[in-house]
Amino acid sequence: MSSPGRRKHAEIAGAGLGGLTLATALAHRGWSVRVHERAAHLRDIGVGTTLWQNGHLALDAVGALDEVTKAGTRISRQIVRDERLQPLRVHDFNDTDDRALVVLRVDHHRALVNTATKAGVEIVTSSTAVGADPDGVLIMENGDRHSADLVVGCDGYNSKVRDSLGLAKFVGFVTEARIGRVTIPREERPETEMIQNFWNGPRRCGLLGCQEVNYIYLSAPENCPHNVEEVRTRSLYKPVWIEAFPFLKDKWEMVESEIIWGRYPISECHSWSSGRAAILGDSAHSMPPTMAQGAGCAMANGVALAEALKKIDDVPAALKEWEACERPITDVTQRWAVLSIMMSVRWPENLLDMRSQVIAEAFTSPALAAHYYSASQHVVAVN
């Protein structure tokens, strides 16, 4: 426990969306904070981010919402369609308590860097953490050891901080299927947009407008004979995607830039903390992007952690209380994300009509819908 009157200090590994949100939230509560980023430059790898209500609230709590909102495009409706283009799920958003926004990750990340810097957070690049000590020490690749009241691993799916603390229960991939992301230019820029998701057998895609581009995600089937080459060359085998989604032919033909192909990761941990050391974001709860809640959960949990540390002076106790409050919501979201991708890639193709019926009827239940949207509607109490 820190001495009376001494400013508490935090060392954070990883200047991603979760790490920067936590750093800024702590700085706003009087902490001195240093963030270590292993890359030589502050950047975010990825294409686009969908932010739901919990993401809006987290950004607002750290003062980054206005900048992110200006860079993004408001979403008024989300719709999922099956092989016959029948709507399976339709969700309408509003501007108050159920907001949705699509923003390019580079703009999202830049806003959080700006906010953290303004709050007095020190960000050090080319600084790689390789572990942590539960007594409150961040261990660096160059041998340095940084002592702090709190150390946090926000160093992603392959977290060295998490592994050094022995917190992982399982780290792997949900499926052999691959997900791709790319943007294409567009001329129209409406004030609001609609997220369109399309399912065809084990193949999925989504179309989201964001400012001057359309952000497209693609989910290839397991054991797809074309996907190995697509991944190797970072390209799109257009004939198979045109065959699956012919109504998007003009969009597929516009794809010229590299496809960012990845896997469906998942990390599950015994605990999110050990002593004065904690993990946050993909380090603690990496999940398939099917719920588009990786960033939202990471940011919301970052704000919640800072608030717990404000209320409870004892750091280990605050970490336990934080996990007890926030983990159930994150775990529910992770399970839904896994179920969503498994229903896509593993559902028998001779029973696709049944899949459509199951999905459509499931969301007529208010209780199930509330469970599904647990994370997006979760409000972190901030005083």
Protein backbone atom coordinates (compact mmCIF):
# COMPACT_ATOMS: atom_id res chain seq x y z
CA MET A 1 0.00 0.00 0.00
CA SER A 2 1.31 3.42 -0.88
CA SER A 3 2.33 5.94 1.78
CA PRO A 4 -0.21 8.65 2.66
CA GLY A 5 0.10 11.61 0.30
CA ARG A 6 2.26 9.75 -2.22
CA ARG A 7 0.99 9.66 -5.76
CA LYS A 8 0.35 6.10 -6.90
CA HIS A 9 2.16 4.87 -9.97
CA ALA A 10 1.23 2.35 -12.70
CA GLU A 11 3.36 0.64 -15.33
CA ILE A 12 1.42 -0.69 -18.32
CA ALA A 13 2.67 -2.99 -21.08
CA GLY A 14 0.94 -2.24 -24.39
CA ALA A 15 -0.30 1.00 -25.95
CA GLY A 16 -3.36 -0.52 -27.59
CA LEU A 17 -6.97 0.53 -27.14
CA GLY A 18 -7.37 -1.09 -23.73
CA GLY A 19 -3.99 -0.01 -22.38
CA LEU A 20 -4.46 3.62 -23.38
CA THR A 21 -7.99 3.75 -21.97
CA LEU A 22 -6.83 2.37 -18.64
CA ALA A 23 -3.82 4.69 -18.57
CA THR A 24 -5.95 7.77 -19.16
CA ALA A 25 -8.58 6.70 -16.62
CA LEU A 26 -5.88 6.22 -13.98
CA ALA A 27 -4.26 9.57 -14.82
CA HIS A 28 -7.62 11.29 -14.39
CA ARG A 29 -7.77 9.78 -10.90
CA GLY A 30 -4.41 11.18 -9.85
CA TRP A 31 -2.07 8.33 -10.79
CA SER A 32 1.24 8.73 -12.58
CA VAL A 33 1.25 6.31 -15.49
CA ARG A 34 3.87 5.02 -17.90
CA VAL A 35 2.89 2.92 -20.91
CA HIS A 36 5.43 0.75 -22.71
CA GLU A 37 4.88 0.02 -26.40
CA ARG A 38 7.14 -2.55 -28.04
CA ALA A 39 6.71 -1.07 -31.53
CA ALA A 40 8.90 1.80 -32.65
CA HIS A 41 5.86 3.90 -33.52
CA LEU A 42 2.44 4.32 -31.98
CA ARG A 43 -0.01 2.64 -34.32
CA ASP A 44 -2.85 0.16 -34.37
CA ILE A 45 -2.92 -2.90 -36.61
CA GLY A 46 -6.33 -3.55 -38.13
CA VAL A 47 -8.95 -1.99 -40.33
CA GLY A 48 -12.17 -0.96 -38.64
CA THR A 49 -13.82 -1.06 -35.24
CA THR A 50 -17.50 -1.21 -34.39
CA LEU A 51 -18.30 0.55 -31.13
CA TRP A 52 -21.48 -0.20 -29.25
CA GLN A 53 -22.93 1.61 -26.24
CA ASN A 54 -20.30 0.32 -23.79
CA GLY A 55 -17.53 1.58 -26.08
CA HIS A 56 -19.18 5.01 -26.28
CA LEU A 57 -19.43 5.19 -22.49
CA ALA A 58 -15.80 4.18 -22.01
CA LEU A 59 -14.55 6.73 -24.53
CA ASP A 60 -16.70 9.41 -22.94
CA ALA A 61 -15.30 8.53 -19.50
CA VAL A 62 -11.72 9.26 -20.67
CA GLY A 63 -12.58 12.24 -22.89
CA ALA A 64 -11.99 10.66 -26.30
CA LEU A 65 -15.56 10.26 -27.52
CA ASP A 66 -15.86 13.51 -29.47
CA GLU A 67 -12.73 12.88 -31.53
CA VAL A 68 -13.70 9.27 -32.28
CA THR A 69 -17.27 10.25 -33.16
CA LYS A 70 -16.08 12.87 -35.64
CA ALA A 71 -13.85 10.30 -37.35
CA GLY A 72 -16.52 7.59 -37.50
CA THR A 73 -19.95 7.00 -38.97
CA ARG A 74 -23.07 6.52 -36.86
CA ILE A 75 -24.93 3.24 -37.31
CA SER A 76 -28.72 3.30 -37.23
CA ARG A 77 -29.47 -0.37 -37.96
CA GLN A 78 -27.83 -3.79 -38.01
CA ILE A 79 -29.30 -6.58 -40.11
CA VAL A 80 -28.30 -10.22 -40.59
CA ARG A 81 -29.50 -12.10 -43.69
CA ASP A 82 -29.28 -15.73 -44.68
CA GLU A 83 -28.71 -17.55 -47.99
CA ARG A 84 -32.09 -16.42 -49.28
CA LEU A 85 -31.50 -12.84 -48.12
CA GLN A 86 -34.20 -13.30 -45.51
CA PRO A 87 -33.62 -11.11 -42.44
CA LEU A 88 -32.73 -13.21 -39.41
CA ARG A 89 -32.06 -10.42 -36.96
CA VAL A 90 -32.70 -6.69 -37.16
CA HIS A 91 -31.59 -4.26 -34.49
CA ASP A 92 -32.25 -0.52 -34.55
CA PHE A 93 -29.97 1.84 -32.62
CA ASN A 94 -30.59 5.29 -31.18
CA ASP A 95 -28.50 8.30 -30.18
CA THR A 96 -28.93 7.99 -26.41
CA ASP A 97 -28.71 4.63 -24.66
CA ASP A 98 -28.06 2.24 -27.56
CA ARG A 99 -25.47 3.82 -29.83
CA ALA A 100 -23.39 2.21 -32.57
CA LEU A 101 -20.48 3.63 -34.55
CA VAL A 102 -18.00 2.36 -37.12
CA VAL A 103 -14.54 3.96 -37.06
CA LEU A 104 -11.22 3.11 -38.66
CA ARG A 105 -8.88 1.68 -36.04
CA VAL A 106 -6.14 4.16 -36.91
CA ASP A 107 -8.49 7.05 -36.04
CA HIS A 108 -9.76 5.31 -32.91
CA HIS A 109 -6.22 4.67 -31.70
CA ARG A 110 -5.04 8.19 -32.53
CA ALA A 111 -7.84 9.68 -30.43
CA LEU A 112 -6.83 7.58 -27.42
CA VAL A 113 -3.16 8.50 -27.86
CA ASN A 114 -4.11 12.17 -27.93
CA THR A 115 -6.29 11.84 -24.84
CA ALA A 116 -3.67 9.90 -22.90
CA THR A 117 -0.96 12.42 -23.75
CA LYS A 118 -3.20 15.30 -22.71
CA ALA A 119 -3.87 13.55 -19.39
CA GLY A 120 -0.13 13.38 -18.69
CA VAL A 121 0.45 9.71 -19.48
CA GLU A 122 4.05 8.91 -20.42
CA ILE A 123 4.23 6.65 -23.49
CA VAL A 124 7.56 4.97 -24.30
CA THR A 125 8.03 3.25 -27.66
CA SER A 126 10.52 0.48 -28.54
CA SER A 127 10.04 -0.74 -24.96
CA THR A 128 9.17 -4.42 -24.63
CA ALA A 129 7.86 -6.04 -21.47
CA VAL A 130 8.63 -9.73 -21.01
CA GLY A 131 6.98 -10.37 -17.68
CA ALA A 132 5.73 -9.12 -14.36
CA ASP A 133 6.17 -9.85 -10.67
CA PRO A 134 3.06 -10.03 -8.45
CA ASP A 135 4.81 -7.70 -6.01
CA GLY A 136 4.38 -4.91 -8.57
CA VAL A 137 7.29 -5.05 -10.99
CA LEU A 138 7.19 -4.85 -14.79
CA ILE A 139 10.13 -6.76 -16.26
CA MET A 140 11.61 -5.48 -19.50
CA GLU A 141 13.43 -7.21 -22.34
CA ASN A 142 16.56 -5.09 -21.71
CA GLY A 143 16.71 -6.26 -18.08
CA ASP A 144 15.15 -3.19 -16.50
CA ARG A 145 12.65 -3.73 -13.69
CA HIS A 146 10.06 -1.03 -13.11
CA SER A 147 8.41 -1.05 -9.69
CA ALA A 148 4.90 0.31 -9.32
CA ASP A 149 1.78 0.18 -7.18
CA LEU A 150 0.14 -1.53 -10.16
CA VAL A 151 1.49 -3.27 -13.26
CA VAL A 152 -0.84 -4.28 -16.08
CA GLY A 153 -0.29 -6.46 -19.13
CA CYS A 154 -2.24 -5.04 -22.04
CA ASP A 155 0.15 -6.79 -24.41
CA GLY A 156 -2.34 -8.74 -26.44
CA TYR A 157 -3.19 -12.31 -27.30
CA ASN A 158 0.42 -13.46 -27.01
CA SER A 159 0.84 -11.69 -23.67
CA LYS A 160 4.18 -12.29 -22.01
CA VAL A 161 2.93 -10.60 -18.85
CA ARG A 162 0.02 -13.04 -18.57
CA ASP A 163 2.24 -16.05 -19.21
CA SER A 164 4.90 -14.94 -16.72
CA LEU A 165 2.21 -14.76 -14.03
CA GLY A 166 0.83 -18.20 -14.88
CA LEU A 167 -2.70 -16.86 -15.35
CA ALA A 168 -3.62 -18.58 -18.62
CA LYS A 169 -6.03 -21.51 -18.65
CA PHE A 170 -6.28 -21.81 -22.44
CA VAL A 171 -4.81 -19.79 -25.30
CA GLY A 172 -5.57 -20.94 -28.82
CA PHE A 173 -8.01 -20.67 -31.71
CA VAL A 174 -11.70 -21.51 -31.87
CA THR A 175 -11.59 -22.89 -35.40
CA GLU A 176 -9.32 -23.41 -38.39
CA ALA A 177 -11.42 -20.90 -40.33
CA ARG A 178 -9.95 -17.52 -41.24
CA ILE A 179 -11.34 -14.01 -41.10
CA GLY A 180 -10.32 -11.28 -43.54
CA ARG A 181 -10.67 -7.51 -43.45
CA VAL A 182 -10.31 -4.90 -46.17
CA THR A 183 -11.60 -1.47 -47.19
CA ILE A 184 -12.76 -0.24 -50.57
CA PRO A 185 -13.46 3.36 -51.61
CA ARG A 186 -16.95 4.76 -51.90
CA GLU A 187 -18.37 8.05 -53.07
CA GLU A 188 -21.51 8.41 -50.96
CA ARG A 189 -21.18 9.46 -47.34
CA PRO A 190 -24.60 9.36 -45.66
CA GLU A 191 -25.06 10.74 -42.18
CA THR A 192 -25.99 7.33 -40.83
CA GLU A 193 -25.20 3.82 -42.02
CA MET A 194 -26.48 0.27 -41.74
CA ILE A 195 -24.34 -2.73 -40.84
CA GLN A 196 -25.17 -5.52 -43.25
CA ASN A 197 -24.21 -9.10 -42.39
CA PHE A 198 -24.69 -11.97 -44.81
CA TRP A 199 -24.53 -15.72 -44.17
CA ASN A 200 -24.27 -18.36 -46.88
CA GLY A 201 -23.56 -21.82 -45.54
CA PRO A 202 -20.20 -21.70 -43.73
CA ARG A 203 -19.23 -18.45 -45.46
CA ARG A 204 -19.98 -15.01 -44.03
CA CYS A 205 -19.31 -11.39 -44.88
CA GLY A 206 -20.24 -7.97 -43.61
CA LEU A 207 -20.41 -4.51 -45.13
CA LEU A 208 -20.02 -1.37 -43.00
CA GLY A 209 -19.71 2.17 -44.31
CA CYS A 210 -17.20 4.45 -42.62
CA GLN A 211 -16.59 7.94 -43.96
CA GLU A 212 -15.02 7.63 -47.43
CA VAL A 213 -14.61 3.83 -47.40
CA ASN A 214 -16.62 0.65 -47.08
CA TYR A 215 -15.16 -1.69 -44.47
CA ILE A 216 -15.65 -5.35 -45.40
CA TYR A 217 -15.08 -8.40 -43.26
CA LEU A 218 -15.00 -11.92 -44.66
CA SER A 219 -15.23 -15.27 -42.89
CA ALA A 220 -13.96 -18.19 -44.96
CA PRO A 221 -15.02 -21.79 -44.29
CA GLU A 222 -12.79 -24.33 -42.62
CA ASN A 223 -10.71 -26.32 -45.12
CA CYS A 224 -11.57 -23.90 -47.92
CA PRO A 225 -9.42 -24.96 -50.93
CA HIS A 226 -8.90 -21.33 -51.95
CA ASN A 227 -8.24 -19.77 -48.56
CA VAL A 228 -4.71 -21.10 -48.15
CA GLU A 229 -3.63 -19.13 -51.19
CA GLU A 230 -5.74 -16.14 -50.15
CA VAL A 231 -3.92 -16.05 -46.81
CA ARG A 232 -0.48 -16.60 -48.39
CA THR A 233 -0.90 -13.80 -50.93
CA ARG A 234 -3.11 -11.57 -48.74
CA SER A 235 -5.60 -11.54 -51.56
CA LEU A 236 -9.21 -12.37 -52.38
CA TYR A 237 -10.23 -15.24 -54.66
CA LYS A 238 -13.07 -13.24 -56.14
CA PRO A 239 -14.97 -15.98 -58.06
CA VAL A 240 -15.89 -17.91 -54.91
CA TRP A 241 -17.03 -14.79 -53.06
CA ILE A 242 -19.05 -13.60 -56.07
CA GLU A 243 -20.69 -17.02 -56.28
CA ALA A 244 -21.61 -16.95 -52.58
CA PHE A 245 -22.76 -13.30 -52.52
CA PRO A 246 -23.56 -12.29 -56.14
CA PHE A 247 -25.45 -9.16 -55.03
CA LEU A 248 -22.10 -7.78 -53.78
CA LYS A 249 -20.27 -8.44 -57.06
CA ASP A 250 -19.48 -4.77 -57.58
CA LYS A 251 -17.88 -4.63 -54.12
CA TRP A 252 -15.75 -7.76 -54.67
CA GLU A 253 -14.51 -6.42 -57.98
CA MET A 254 -13.36 -3.22 -56.27
CA VAL A 255 -11.07 -5.07 -53.84
CA GLU A 256 -7.50 -4.30 -54.87
CA SER A 257 -5.63 -3.73 -51.61
CA GLU A 258 -4.21 -6.46 -49.39
CA ILE A 259 -6.59 -8.49 -47.26
CA ILE A 260 -5.67 -8.68 -43.59
CA TRP A 261 -6.31 -12.37 -42.85
CA GLY A 262 -6.32 -13.68 -39.30
CA ARG A 263 -7.63 -16.42 -37.03
CA TYR A 264 -10.43 -16.60 -34.47
CA PRO A 265 -8.43 -16.38 -31.22
CA ILE A 266 -9.52 -17.09 -27.70
CA SER A 267 -7.78 -16.77 -24.34
CA GLU A 268 -9.25 -17.89 -21.05
CA CYS A 269 -7.58 -17.25 -17.71
CA HIS A 270 -7.81 -18.64 -14.20
CA SER A 271 -7.70 -15.07 -12.91
CA TRP A 272 -7.18 -11.55 -14.25
CA SER A 273 -4.65 -10.67 -11.55
CA SER A 274 -1.96 -11.86 -9.20
CA GLY A 275 -0.96 -9.58 -6.34
CA ARG A 276 -0.35 -6.11 -7.78
CA ALA A 277 -0.20 -7.35 -11.37
CA ALA A 278 -3.21 -7.56 -13.70
CA ILE A 279 -4.03 -8.30 -17.33
CA LEU A 280 -6.53 -6.51 -19.55
CA GLY A 281 -8.02 -6.86 -23.02
CA ASP A 282 -6.84 -9.63 -25.33
CA SER A 283 -4.27 -10.64 -22.72
CA ALA A 284 -7.13 -11.69 -20.44
CA HIS A 285 -10.09 -12.43 -22.68
CA SER A 286 -9.28 -12.51 -26.37
CA MET A 287 -12.41 -13.50 -28.27
CA PRO A 288 -13.54 -14.05 -31.87
CA PRO A 289 -14.52 -10.73 -33.48
CA THR A 290 -18.00 -12.02 -34.29
CA MET A 291 -19.50 -9.85 -31.53
CA ALA A 292 -17.28 -6.85 -32.38
CA GLN A 293 -16.75 -6.48 -28.63
CA GLY A 294 -13.01 -7.02 -28.18
CA ALA A 295 -12.25 -3.30 -28.06
CA GLY A 296 -15.46 -2.40 -26.24
CA CYS A 297 -14.89 -4.88 -23.43
CA ALA A 298 -11.23 -3.92 -23.10
CA MET A 299 -12.02 -0.21 -22.81
CA ALA A 300 -14.97 -0.70 -20.47
CA ASN A 301 -12.91 -2.99 -18.25
CA GLY A 302 -10.11 -0.42 -18.23
CA VAL A 303 -12.43 2.30 -16.94
CA ALA A 304 -13.89 -0.12 -14.39
CA LEU A 305 -10.41 -1.04 -13.14
CA ALA A 306 -9.46 2.59 -12.60
CA GLU A 307 -12.72 3.17 -10.75
CA ALA A 308 -12.18 0.13 -8.51
CA LEU A 309 -8.72 1.41 -7.61
CA LYS A 310 -10.24 4.77 -6.73
CA LYS A 311 -12.72 3.19 -4.33
CA ILE A 312 -10.44 0.56 -2.77
CA ASP A 313 -7.01 1.68 -1.62
CA ASP A 314 -5.56 -1.82 -1.36
CA VAL A 315 -4.49 -2.72 -4.91
CA PRO A 316 -4.78 -6.55 -4.76
CA ALA A 317 -8.21 -6.24 -3.13
CA ALA A 318 -9.31 -3.73 -5.75
CA LEU A 319 -8.20 -6.06 -8.54
CA LYS A 320 -10.24 -8.93 -7.10
CA GLU A 321 -13.31 -6.74 -6.71
CA TRP A 322 -12.89 -5.43 -10.27
CA GLU A 323 -12.74 -8.93 -11.73
CA ALA A 324 -15.73 -10.10 -9.71
CA CYS A 325 -17.83 -7.24 -11.09
CA GLU A 326 -16.67 -7.16 -14.71
CA ARG A 327 -15.67 -10.69 -15.63
CA PRO A 328 -19.19 -12.20 -15.78
CA ILE A 329 -20.18 -9.72 -18.51
CA THR A 330 -17.02 -10.36 -20.50
CA ASP A 331 -17.34 -14.14 -20.16
CA VAL A 332 -20.92 -14.06 -21.47
CA THR A 333 -19.80 -12.03 -24.48
CA GLN A 334 -16.90 -14.34 -25.18
CA ARG A 335 -19.23 -17.37 -25.14
CA TRP A 336 -21.64 -15.70 -27.56
CA ALA A 337 -18.75 -14.82 -29.87
CA VAL A 338 -17.63 -18.44 -29.93
CA LEU A 339 -21.16 -19.74 -30.50
CA SER A 340 -21.69 -17.32 -33.38
CA ILE A 341 -18.67 -18.47 -35.36
CA MET A 342 -19.34 -22.15 -34.62
CA MET A 343 -22.90 -21.84 -35.90
CA SER A 344 -21.41 -20.46 -39.08
CA VAL A 345 -18.56 -22.83 -39.88
CA ARG A 346 -19.81 -26.06 -38.28
CA TRP A 347 -23.56 -26.04 -38.99
CA PRO A 348 -24.59 -28.91 -41.36
CA GLU A 349 -25.25 -27.53 -44.81
CA ASN A 350 -28.31 -29.74 -45.25
CA LEU A 351 -29.91 -28.02 -42.25
CA LEU A 352 -29.42 -24.37 -43.18
CA ASP A 353 -33.16 -23.64 -43.09
CA MET A 354 -33.19 -24.86 -39.51
CA ARG A 355 -30.29 -22.52 -38.67
CA SER A 356 -32.22 -19.59 -40.06
CA GLN A 357 -35.27 -20.55 -38.03
CA VAL A 358 -33.26 -20.97 -34.82
CA ILE A 359 -31.59 -17.57 -35.15
CA ALA A 360 -34.75 -15.73 -36.15
CA GLU A 361 -36.87 -17.22 -33.37
CA ALA A 362 -34.19 -16.89 -30.71
CA PHE A 363 -34.12 -13.12 -30.95
CA THR A 364 -37.86 -12.83 -30.45
CA SER A 365 -37.11 -13.62 -26.79
CA PRO A 366 -36.44 -10.40 -24.84
CA ALA A 367 -34.49 -12.35 -22.20
CA LEU A 368 -32.18 -13.98 -24.73
CA ALA A 369 -31.68 -10.70 -26.59
CA ALA A 370 -30.76 -8.99 -23.31
CA HIS A 371 -28.28 -11.76 -22.56
CA TYR A 372 -26.77 -11.44 -26.04
CA TYR A 373 -26.35 -7.67 -25.66
CA SER A 374 -25.03 -7.90 -22.08
CA ALA A 375 -21.71 -6.21 -22.84
CA SER A 376 -23.04 -3.46 -25.06
CA GLN A 377 -25.60 -2.44 -22.44
CA HIS A 378 -23.27 -2.81 -19.46
CA VAL A 379 -22.78 0.49 -17.63
CA VAL A 380 -19.64 0.96 -15.52
CA ALA A 381 -20.51 3.04 -12.49
CA VAL A 382 -18.23 6.10 -12.49
CA ASN A 383 -18.34 8.74 -9.78
